[in-house]
Amino acid sequence: MGFFSKLFGTGDETKTETPRSTSKDDALAAYVVREHKQGRSLEDILDDPYLKNRATDEQRLRLLERPEVIRAVGEHTAATAAENVRSTT
């Protein structure tokens, strides 16, 4: 891909989707960690309209696999929450 294609977004648009979703996933993970540190339960955070409006069930499951989220909420809590997300789909 050439310089101008990268600069102006012409060409293969799928390449620009990956960084955006990674940054989005980072922001959502930070939200989960921050809210949990403020005392909210993980189930409450995952049912939060803010998170539900910004993430699919699949994305919410991926959040529960991120090391920083697991460290913040505990491995058992993350596994239990993942099962709850799977059962609602």
PDB file of N, CA and C in Angstrom:
ATOM      1  N   MET A   1       0.862  -1.169   0.000  1.00  0.00           N
ATOM      2  CA  MET A   1       0.000   0.000   0.000  1.00  0.00           C
ATOM      3  C   MET A   1       0.904   1.225   0.000  1.00  0.00           C
ATOM      4  N   GLY A   2       0.586   2.190  -0.842  1.00  0.00           N
ATOM      5  CA  GLY A   2       1.392   3.388  -0.970  1.00  0.00           C
ATOM      6  C   GLY A   2       1.156   4.396   0.137  1.00  0.00           C
ATOM      7  N   PHE A   3       2.020   5.387   0.162  1.00  0.00           N
ATOM      8  CA  PHE A   3       1.960   6.432   1.183  1.00  0.00           C
ATOM      9  C   PHE A   3       0.627   7.162   1.170  1.00  0.00           C
ATOM     10  N   PHE A   4       0.170   7.597  -0.017  1.00  0.00           N
ATOM     11  CA  PHE A   4      -1.078   8.360  -0.093  1.00  0.00           C
ATOM     12  C   PHE A   4      -2.300   7.497   0.221  1.00  0.00           C
ATOM     13  N   SER A   5      -2.226   6.233  -0.143  1.00  0.00           N
ATOM     14  CA  SER A   5      -3.322   5.324   0.196  1.00  0.00           C
ATOM     15  C   SER A   5      -3.460   5.192   1.709  1.00  0.00           C
ATOM     16  N   LYS A   6      -2.332   5.079   2.390  1.00  0.00           N
ATOM     17  CA  LYS A   6      -2.365   5.006   3.853  1.00  0.00           C
ATOM     18  C   LYS A   6      -2.844   6.313   4.461  1.00  0.00           C
ATOM     19  N   LEU A   7      -2.371   7.406   3.895  1.00  0.00           N
ATOM     20  CA  LEU A   7      -2.698   8.726   4.427  1.00  0.00           C
ATOM     21  C   LEU A   7      -4.170   9.075   4.258  1.00  0.00           C
ATOM     22  N   PHE A   8      -4.715   8.784   3.093  1.00  0.00           N
ATOM     23  CA  PHE A   8      -6.090   9.194   2.804  1.00  0.00           C
ATOM     24  C   PHE A   8      -7.102   8.059   2.905  1.00  0.00           C
ATOM     25  N   GLY A   9      -6.656   6.883   3.293  1.00  0.00           N
ATOM     26  CA  GLY A   9      -7.593   5.800   3.551  1.00  0.00           C
ATOM     27  C   GLY A   9      -8.109   5.098   2.316  1.00  0.00           C
ATOM     28  N   THR A  10      -7.494   5.282   1.178  1.00  0.00           N
ATOM     29  CA  THR A  10      -7.925   4.545  -0.014  1.00  0.00           C
ATOM     30  C   THR A  10      -7.181   3.224  -0.055  1.00  0.00           C
ATOM     31  N   GLY A  11      -7.764   2.256  -0.666  1.00  0.00           N
ATOM     32  CA  GLY A  11      -7.133   0.949  -0.722  1.00  0.00           C
ATOM     33  C   GLY A  11      -7.860  -0.034   0.170  1.00  0.00           C
ATOM     34  N   ASP A  12      -7.126  -0.938   0.755  1.00  0.00           N
ATOM     35  CA  ASP A  12      -7.709  -1.996   1.582  1.00  0.00           C
ATOM     36  C   ASP A  12      -8.133  -1.439   2.934  1.00  0.00           C
ATOM     37  N   GLU A  13      -9.437  -1.259   3.121  1.00  0.00           N
ATOM     38  CA  GLU A  13      -9.971  -0.658   4.351  1.00  0.00           C
ATOM     39  C   GLU A  13      -9.953  -1.623   5.531  1.00  0.00           C
ATOM     40  N   THR A  14      -9.831  -2.933   5.278  1.00  0.00           N
ATOM     41  CA  THR A  14      -9.837  -3.881   6.386  1.00  0.00           C
ATOM     42  C   THR A  14      -8.617  -3.708   7.281  1.00  0.00           C
ATOM     43  N   LYS A  15      -7.542  -3.177   6.735  1.00  0.00           N
ATOM     44  CA  LYS A  15      -6.343  -2.982   7.543  1.00  0.00           C
ATOM     45  C   LYS A  15      -6.538  -1.895   8.580  1.00  0.00           C
ATOM     46  N   THR A  16      -7.421  -0.938   8.350  1.00  0.00           N
ATOM     47  CA  THR A  16      -7.639   0.124   9.320  1.00  0.00           C
ATOM     48  C   THR A  16      -8.592  -0.305  10.422  1.00  0.00           C
ATOM     49  N   GLU A  17      -9.313  -1.413  10.246  1.00  0.00           N
ATOM     50  CA  GLU A  17     -10.266  -1.860  11.257  1.00  0.00           C
ATOM     51  C   GLU A  17      -9.566  -2.461  12.469  1.00  0.00           C
ATOM     52  N   THR A  18      -8.490  -3.194  12.273  1.00  0.00           N
ATOM     53  CA  THR A  18      -7.837  -3.879  13.372  1.00  0.00           C
ATOM     54  C   THR A  18      -7.320  -2.931  14.453  1.00  0.00           C
ATOM     55  N   PRO A  19      -6.567  -1.876  14.117  1.00  0.00           N
ATOM     56  CA  PRO A  19      -6.111  -0.989  15.179  1.00  0.00           C
ATOM     57  C   PRO A  19      -7.262  -0.326  15.927  1.00  0.00           C
ATOM     58  N   ARG A  20      -8.308   0.026  15.223  1.00  0.00           N
ATOM     59  CA  ARG A  20      -9.451   0.667  15.863  1.00  0.00           C
ATOM     60  C   ARG A  20     -10.096  -0.261  16.876  1.00  0.00           C
ATOM     61  N   SER A  21     -10.302  -1.536  16.507  1.00  0.00           N
ATOM     62  CA  SER A  21     -10.938  -2.458  17.441  1.00  0.00           C
ATOM     63  C   SER A  21     -10.020  -2.775  18.613  1.00  0.00           C
ATOM     64  N   THR A  22      -8.714  -2.810  18.391  1.00  0.00           N
ATOM     65  CA  THR A  22      -7.776  -3.041  19.482  1.00  0.00           C
ATOM     66  C   THR A  22      -7.844  -1.897  20.475  1.00  0.00           C
ATOM     67  N   SER A  23      -7.862  -0.688  19.977  1.00  0.00           N
ATOM     68  CA  SER A  23      -7.956   0.476  20.856  1.00  0.00           C
ATOM     69  C   SER A  23      -9.307   0.491  21.574  1.00  0.00           C
ATOM     70  N   LYS A  24     -10.349   0.080  20.885  1.00  0.00           N
ATOM     71  CA  LYS A  24     -11.677  -0.003  21.504  1.00  0.00           C
ATOM     72  C   LYS A  24     -11.669  -1.052  22.605  1.00  0.00           C
ATOM     73  N   ASP A  25     -11.066  -2.215  22.325  1.00  0.00           N
ATOM     74  CA  ASP A  25     -10.978  -3.263  23.333  1.00  0.00           C
ATOM     75  C   ASP A  25     -10.184  -2.794  24.546  1.00  0.00           C
ATOM     76  N   ASP A  26      -9.114  -2.046  24.301  1.00  0.00           N
ATOM     77  CA  ASP A  26      -8.319  -1.499  25.402  1.00  0.00           C
ATOM     78  C   ASP A  26      -9.158  -0.564  26.263  1.00  0.00           C
ATOM     79  N   ALA A  27      -9.933   0.290  25.614  1.00  0.00           N
ATOM     80  CA  ALA A  27     -10.768   1.248  26.351  1.00  0.00           C
ATOM     81  C   ALA A  27     -11.846   0.524  27.154  1.00  0.00           C
ATOM     82  N   LEU A  28     -12.452  -0.502  26.564  1.00  0.00           N
ATOM     83  CA  LEU A  28     -13.486  -1.256  27.277  1.00  0.00           C
ATOM     84  C   LEU A  28     -12.893  -2.034  28.460  1.00  0.00           C
ATOM     85  N   ALA A  29     -11.703  -2.598  28.260  1.00  0.00           N
ATOM     86  CA  ALA A  29     -11.041  -3.303  29.361  1.00  0.00           C
ATOM     87  C   ALA A  29     -10.713  -2.328  30.489  1.00  0.00           C
ATOM     88  N   ALA A  30     -10.238  -1.150  30.142  1.00  0.00           N
ATOM     89  CA  ALA A  30      -9.934  -0.140  31.157  1.00  0.00           C
ATOM     90  C   ALA A  30     -11.199   0.254  31.916  1.00  0.00           C
ATOM     91  N   TYR A  31     -12.317   0.334  31.212  1.00  0.00           N
ATOM     92  CA  TYR A  31     -13.593   0.660  31.848  1.00  0.00           C
ATOM     93  C   TYR A  31     -13.975  -0.411  32.864  1.00  0.00           C
ATOM     94  N   VAL A  32     -13.850  -1.682  32.473  1.00  0.00           N
ATOM     95  CA  VAL A  32     -14.202  -2.777  33.359  1.00  0.00           C
ATOM     96  C   VAL A  32     -13.318  -2.746  34.611  1.00  0.00           C
ATOM     97  N   VAL A  33     -12.021  -2.577  34.416  1.00  0.00           N
ATOM     98  CA  VAL A  33     -11.089  -2.548  35.545  1.00  0.00           C
ATOM     99  C   VAL A  33     -11.407  -1.371  36.474  1.00  0.00           C
ATOM    100  N   ARG A  34     -11.608  -0.203  35.891  1.00  0.00           N
ATOM    101  CA  ARG A  34     -11.889   1.009  36.685  1.00  0.00           C
ATOM    102  C   ARG A  34     -13.187   0.863  37.496  1.00  0.00           C
ATOM    103  N   GLU A  35     -14.235   0.368  36.858  1.00  0.00           N
ATOM    104  CA  GLU A  35     -15.508   0.211  37.539  1.00  0.00           C
ATOM    105  C   GLU A  35     -15.421  -0.834  38.651  1.00  0.00           C
ATOM    106  N   HIS A  36     -14.684  -1.913  38.397  1.00  0.00           N
ATOM    107  CA  HIS A  36     -14.542  -2.948  39.421  1.00  0.00           C
ATOM    108  C   HIS A  36     -13.761  -2.413  40.616  1.00  0.00           C
ATOM    109  N   LYS A  37     -12.743  -1.608  40.363  1.00  0.00           N
ATOM    110  CA  LYS A  37     -11.970  -1.013  41.461  1.00  0.00           C
ATOM    111  C   LYS A  37     -12.827  -0.069  42.298  1.00  0.00           C
ATOM    112  N   GLN A  38     -13.878   0.476  41.700  1.00  0.00           N
ATOM    113  CA  GLN A  38     -14.783   1.359  42.438  1.00  0.00           C
ATOM    114  C   GLN A  38     -15.824   0.574  43.226  1.00  0.00           C
ATOM    115  N   GLY A  39     -15.745  -0.766  43.160  1.00  0.00           N
ATOM    116  CA  GLY A  39     -16.610  -1.586  43.997  1.00  0.00           C
ATOM    117  C   GLY A  39     -17.785  -2.247  43.300  1.00  0.00           C
ATOM    118  N   ARG A  40     -17.948  -2.044  42.001  1.00  0.00           N
ATOM    119  CA  ARG A  40     -19.061  -2.683  41.293  1.00  0.00           C
ATOM    120  C   ARG A  40     -18.741  -4.137  41.016  1.00  0.00           C
ATOM    121  N   SER A  41     -19.762  -4.973  41.031  1.00  0.00           N
ATOM    122  CA  SER A  41     -19.560  -6.386  40.708  1.00  0.00           C
ATOM    123  C   SER A  41     -19.350  -6.518  39.202  1.00  0.00           C
ATOM    124  N   LEU A  42     -18.664  -7.573  38.818  1.00  0.00           N
ATOM    125  CA  LEU A  42     -18.389  -7.803  37.405  1.00  0.00           C
ATOM    126  C   LEU A  42     -19.684  -8.020  36.624  1.00  0.00           C
ATOM    127  N   GLU A  43     -20.622  -8.740  37.197  1.00  0.00           N
ATOM    128  CA  GLU A  43     -21.904  -8.967  36.516  1.00  0.00           C
ATOM    129  C   GLU A  43     -22.627  -7.651  36.264  1.00  0.00           C
ATOM    130  N   ASP A  44     -22.587  -6.759  37.238  1.00  0.00           N
ATOM    131  CA  ASP A  44     -23.216  -5.452  37.089  1.00  0.00           C
ATOM    132  C   ASP A  44     -22.546  -4.642  35.979  1.00  0.00           C
ATOM    133  N   ILE A  45     -21.228  -4.710  35.931  1.00  0.00           N
ATOM    134  CA  ILE A  45     -20.486  -3.974  34.895  1.00  0.00           C
ATOM    135  C   ILE A  45     -20.817  -4.525  33.510  1.00  0.00           C
ATOM    136  N   LEU A  46     -20.866  -5.849  33.373  1.00  0.00           N
ATOM    137  CA  LEU A  46     -21.139  -6.458  32.071  1.00  0.00           C
ATOM    138  C   LEU A  46     -22.568  -6.203  31.602  1.00  0.00           C
ATOM    139  N   ASP A  47     -23.476  -5.958  32.546  1.00  0.00           N
ATOM    140  CA  ASP A  47     -24.859  -5.629  32.185  1.00  0.00           C
ATOM    141  C   ASP A  47     -25.070  -4.127  32.010  1.00  0.00           C
ATOM    142  N   ASP A  48     -24.039  -3.352  32.253  1.00  0.00           N
ATOM    143  CA  ASP A  48     -24.109  -1.905  32.150  1.00  0.00           C
ATOM    144  C   ASP A  48     -24.438  -1.494  30.711  1.00  0.00           C
ATOM    145  N   PRO A  49     -25.419  -0.605  30.521  1.00  0.00           N
ATOM    146  CA  PRO A  49     -25.759  -0.152  29.168  1.00  0.00           C
ATOM    147  C   PRO A  49     -24.565   0.447  28.423  1.00  0.00           C
ATOM    148  N   TYR A  50     -23.660   1.114  29.134  1.00  0.00           N
ATOM    149  CA  TYR A  50     -22.470   1.678  28.488  1.00  0.00           C
ATOM    150  C   TYR A  50     -21.683   0.577  27.786  1.00  0.00           C
ATOM    151  N   LEU A  51     -21.462  -0.532  28.467  1.00  0.00           N
ATOM    152  CA  LEU A  51     -20.687  -1.622  27.892  1.00  0.00           C
ATOM    153  C   LEU A  51     -21.483  -2.382  26.842  1.00  0.00           C
ATOM    154  N   LYS A  52     -22.766  -2.635  27.122  1.00  0.00           N
ATOM    155  CA  LYS A  52     -23.593  -3.375  26.165  1.00  0.00           C
ATOM    156  C   LYS A  52     -23.777  -2.622  24.849  1.00  0.00           C
ATOM    157  N   ASN A  53     -23.808  -1.301  24.910  1.00  0.00           N
ATOM    158  CA  ASN A  53     -23.971  -0.509  23.690  1.00  0.00           C
ATOM    159  C   ASN A  53     -22.698  -0.439  22.859  1.00  0.00           C
ATOM    160  N   ARG A  54     -21.578  -0.766  23.453  1.00  0.00           N
ATOM    161  CA  ARG A  54     -20.301  -0.627  22.778  1.00  0.00           C
ATOM    162  C   ARG A  54     -19.621  -1.952  22.455  1.00  0.00           C
ATOM    163  N   ALA A  55     -20.174  -3.062  22.935  1.00  0.00           N
ATOM    164  CA  ALA A  55     -19.519  -4.349  22.727  1.00  0.00           C
ATOM    165  C   ALA A  55     -20.550  -5.445  22.482  1.00  0.00           C
ATOM    166  N   THR A  56     -20.228  -6.313  21.556  1.00  0.00           N
ATOM    167  CA  THR A  56     -21.058  -7.488  21.314  1.00  0.00           C
ATOM    168  C   THR A  56     -20.793  -8.504  22.423  1.00  0.00           C
ATOM    169  N   ASP A  57     -21.587  -9.553  22.463  1.00  0.00           N
ATOM    170  CA  ASP A  57     -21.346 -10.615  23.449  1.00  0.00           C
ATOM    171  C   ASP A  57     -19.958 -11.213  23.253  1.00  0.00           C
ATOM    172  N   GLU A  58     -19.560 -11.388  22.005  1.00  0.00           N
ATOM    173  CA  GLU A  58     -18.234 -11.938  21.708  1.00  0.00           C
ATOM    174  C   GLU A  58     -17.128 -11.015  22.232  1.00  0.00           C
ATOM    175  N   GLN A  59     -17.296  -9.715  22.051  1.00  0.00           N
ATOM    176  CA  GLN A  59     -16.303  -8.767  22.546  1.00  0.00           C
ATOM    177  C   GLN A  59     -16.260  -8.760  24.074  1.00  0.00           C
ATOM    178  N   ARG A  60     -17.423  -8.894  24.700  1.00  0.00           N
ATOM    179  CA  ARG A  60     -17.454  -8.949  26.169  1.00  0.00           C
ATOM    180  C   ARG A  60     -16.755 -10.211  26.667  1.00  0.00           C
ATOM    181  N   LEU A  61     -16.902 -11.319  25.956  1.00  0.00           N
ATOM    182  CA  LEU A  61     -16.181 -12.537  26.329  1.00  0.00           C
ATOM    183  C   LEU A  61     -14.678 -12.348  26.184  1.00  0.00           C
ATOM    184  N   ARG A  62     -14.250 -11.683  25.115  1.00  0.00           N
ATOM    185  CA  ARG A  62     -12.823 -11.415  24.931  1.00  0.00           C
ATOM    186  C   ARG A  62     -12.281 -10.537  26.052  1.00  0.00           C
ATOM    187  N   LEU A  63     -13.093  -9.596  26.538  1.00  0.00           N
ATOM    188  CA  LEU A  63     -12.656  -8.750  27.650  1.00  0.00           C
ATOM    189  C   LEU A  63     -12.323  -9.601  28.867  1.00  0.00           C
ATOM    190  N   LEU A  64     -13.111 -10.640  29.081  1.00  0.00           N
ATOM    191  CA  LEU A  64     -12.920 -11.495  30.253  1.00  0.00           C
ATOM    192  C   LEU A  64     -11.705 -12.399  30.127  1.00  0.00           C
ATOM    193  N   GLU A  65     -11.074 -12.412  28.968  1.00  0.00           N
ATOM    194  CA  GLU A  65      -9.864 -13.199  28.753  1.00  0.00           C
ATOM    195  C   GLU A  65      -8.604 -12.343  28.813  1.00  0.00           C
ATOM    196  N   ARG A  66      -8.781 -11.030  28.918  1.00  0.00           N
ATOM    197  CA  ARG A  66      -7.629 -10.130  28.944  1.00  0.00           C
ATOM    198  C   ARG A  66      -6.935 -10.195  30.302  1.00  0.00           C
ATOM    199  N   PRO A  67      -5.618 -10.287  30.304  1.00  0.00           N
ATOM    200  CA  PRO A  67      -4.881 -10.427  31.561  1.00  0.00           C
ATOM    201  C   PRO A  67      -5.145  -9.318  32.577  1.00  0.00           C
ATOM    202  N   GLU A  68      -5.256  -8.082  32.125  1.00  0.00           N
ATOM    203  CA  GLU A  68      -5.472  -6.988  33.071  1.00  0.00           C
ATOM    204  C   GLU A  68      -6.851  -7.063  33.731  1.00  0.00           C
ATOM    205  N   VAL A  69      -7.839  -7.566  32.994  1.00  0.00           N
ATOM    206  CA  VAL A  69      -9.181  -7.733  33.567  1.00  0.00           C
ATOM    207  C   VAL A  69      -9.173  -8.894  34.555  1.00  0.00           C
ATOM    208  N   ILE A  70      -8.530  -9.988  34.182  1.00  0.00           N
ATOM    209  CA  ILE A  70      -8.455 -11.151  35.068  1.00  0.00           C
ATOM    210  C   ILE A  70      -7.736 -10.785  36.364  1.00  0.00           C
ATOM    211  N   ARG A  71      -6.636 -10.036  36.251  1.00  0.00           N
ATOM    212  CA  ARG A  71      -5.925  -9.613  37.464  1.00  0.00           C
ATOM    213  C   ARG A  71      -6.808  -8.746  38.346  1.00  0.00           C
ATOM    214  N   ALA A  72      -7.589  -7.876  37.740  1.00  0.00           N
ATOM    215  CA  ALA A  72      -8.415  -6.939  38.508  1.00  0.00           C
ATOM    216  C   ALA A  72      -9.580  -7.638  39.208  1.00  0.00           C
ATOM    217  N   VAL A  73     -10.202  -8.588  38.548  1.00  0.00           N
ATOM    218  CA  VAL A  73     -11.420  -9.184  39.109  1.00  0.00           C
ATOM    219  C   VAL A  73     -11.212 -10.587  39.663  1.00  0.00           C
ATOM    220  N   GLY A  74     -10.110 -11.181  39.349  1.00  0.00           N
ATOM    221  CA  GLY A  74      -9.854 -12.541  39.806  1.00  0.00           C
ATOM    222  C   GLY A  74     -10.267 -13.550  38.757  1.00  0.00           C
ATOM    223  N   GLU A  75      -9.488 -14.600  38.637  1.00  0.00           N
ATOM    224  CA  GLU A  75      -9.711 -15.605  37.595  1.00  0.00           C
ATOM    225  C   GLU A  75     -11.070 -16.293  37.735  1.00  0.00           C
ATOM    226  N   HIS A  76     -11.448 -16.662  38.936  1.00  0.00           N
ATOM    227  CA  HIS A  76     -12.721 -17.350  39.147  1.00  0.00           C
ATOM    228  C   HIS A  76     -13.903 -16.448  38.795  1.00  0.00           C
ATOM    229  N   THR A  77     -13.835 -15.202  39.206  1.00  0.00           N
ATOM    230  CA  THR A  77     -14.914 -14.258  38.909  1.00  0.00           C
ATOM    231  C   THR A  77     -15.055 -14.062  37.400  1.00  0.00           C
ATOM    232  N   ALA A  78     -13.941 -13.962  36.694  1.00  0.00           N
ATOM    233  CA  ALA A  78     -13.975 -13.790  35.242  1.00  0.00           C
ATOM    234  C   ALA A  78     -14.582 -15.018  34.561  1.00  0.00           C
ATOM    235  N   ALA A  79     -14.220 -16.214  35.022  1.00  0.00           N
ATOM    236  CA  ALA A  79     -14.763 -17.436  34.430  1.00  0.00           C
ATOM    237  C   ALA A  79     -16.265 -17.539  34.672  1.00  0.00           C
ATOM    238  N   THR A  80     -16.704 -17.203  35.868  1.00  0.00           N
ATOM    239  CA  THR A  80     -18.133 -17.244  36.191  1.00  0.00           C
ATOM    240  C   THR A  80     -18.905 -16.245  35.332  1.00  0.00           C
ATOM    241  N   ALA A  81     -18.371 -15.046  35.183  1.00  0.00           N
ATOM    242  CA  ALA A  81     -19.030 -14.026  34.370  1.00  0.00           C
ATOM    243  C   ALA A  81     -19.086 -14.450  32.904  1.00  0.00           C
ATOM    244  N   ALA A  82     -18.033 -15.086  32.415  1.00  0.00           N
ATOM    245  CA  ALA A  82     -18.019 -15.561  31.029  1.00  0.00           C
ATOM    246  C   ALA A  82     -19.137 -16.589  30.814  1.00  0.00           C
ATOM    247  N   GLU A  83     -19.337 -17.467  31.765  1.00  0.00           N
ATOM    248  CA  GLU A  83     -20.423 -18.452  31.655  1.00  0.00           C
ATOM    249  C   GLU A  83     -21.778 -17.754  31.631  1.00  0.00           C
ATOM    250  N   ASN A  84     -21.936 -16.720  32.431  1.00  0.00           N
ATOM    251  CA  ASN A  84     -23.197 -15.972  32.440  1.00  0.00           C
ATOM    252  C   ASN A  84     -23.455 -15.288  31.107  1.00  0.00           C
ATOM    253  N   VAL A  85     -22.413 -14.742  30.479  1.00  0.00           N
ATOM    254  CA  VAL A  85     -22.570 -14.099  29.172  1.00  0.00           C
ATOM    255  C   VAL A  85     -22.951 -15.157  28.131  1.00  0.00           C
ATOM    256  N   ARG A  86     -22.288 -16.301  28.174  1.00  0.00           N
ATOM    257  CA  ARG A  86     -22.603 -17.373  27.216  1.00  0.00           C
ATOM    258  C   ARG A  86     -24.035 -17.861  27.369  1.00  0.00           C
ATOM    259  N   SER A  87     -24.530 -17.924  28.589  1.00  0.00           N
ATOM    260  CA  SER A  87     -25.877 -18.449  28.808  1.00  0.00           C
ATOM    261  C   SER A  87     -26.975 -17.483  28.378  1.00  0.00           C
ATOM    262  N   THR A  88     -26.659 -16.202  28.218  1.00  0.00           N
ATOM    263  CA  THR A  88     -27.668 -15.231  27.792  1.00  0.00           C
ATOM    264  C   THR A  88     -27.763 -15.124  26.283  1.00  0.00           C
ATOM    265  N   THR A  89     -26.868 -15.793  25.555  1.00  0.00           N
ATOM    266  CA  THR A  89     -26.910 -15.712  24.086  1.00  0.00           C
ATOM    267  C   THR A  89     -27.646 -16.847  23.481  1.00  0.00           C
TER     268      THR A  89
END
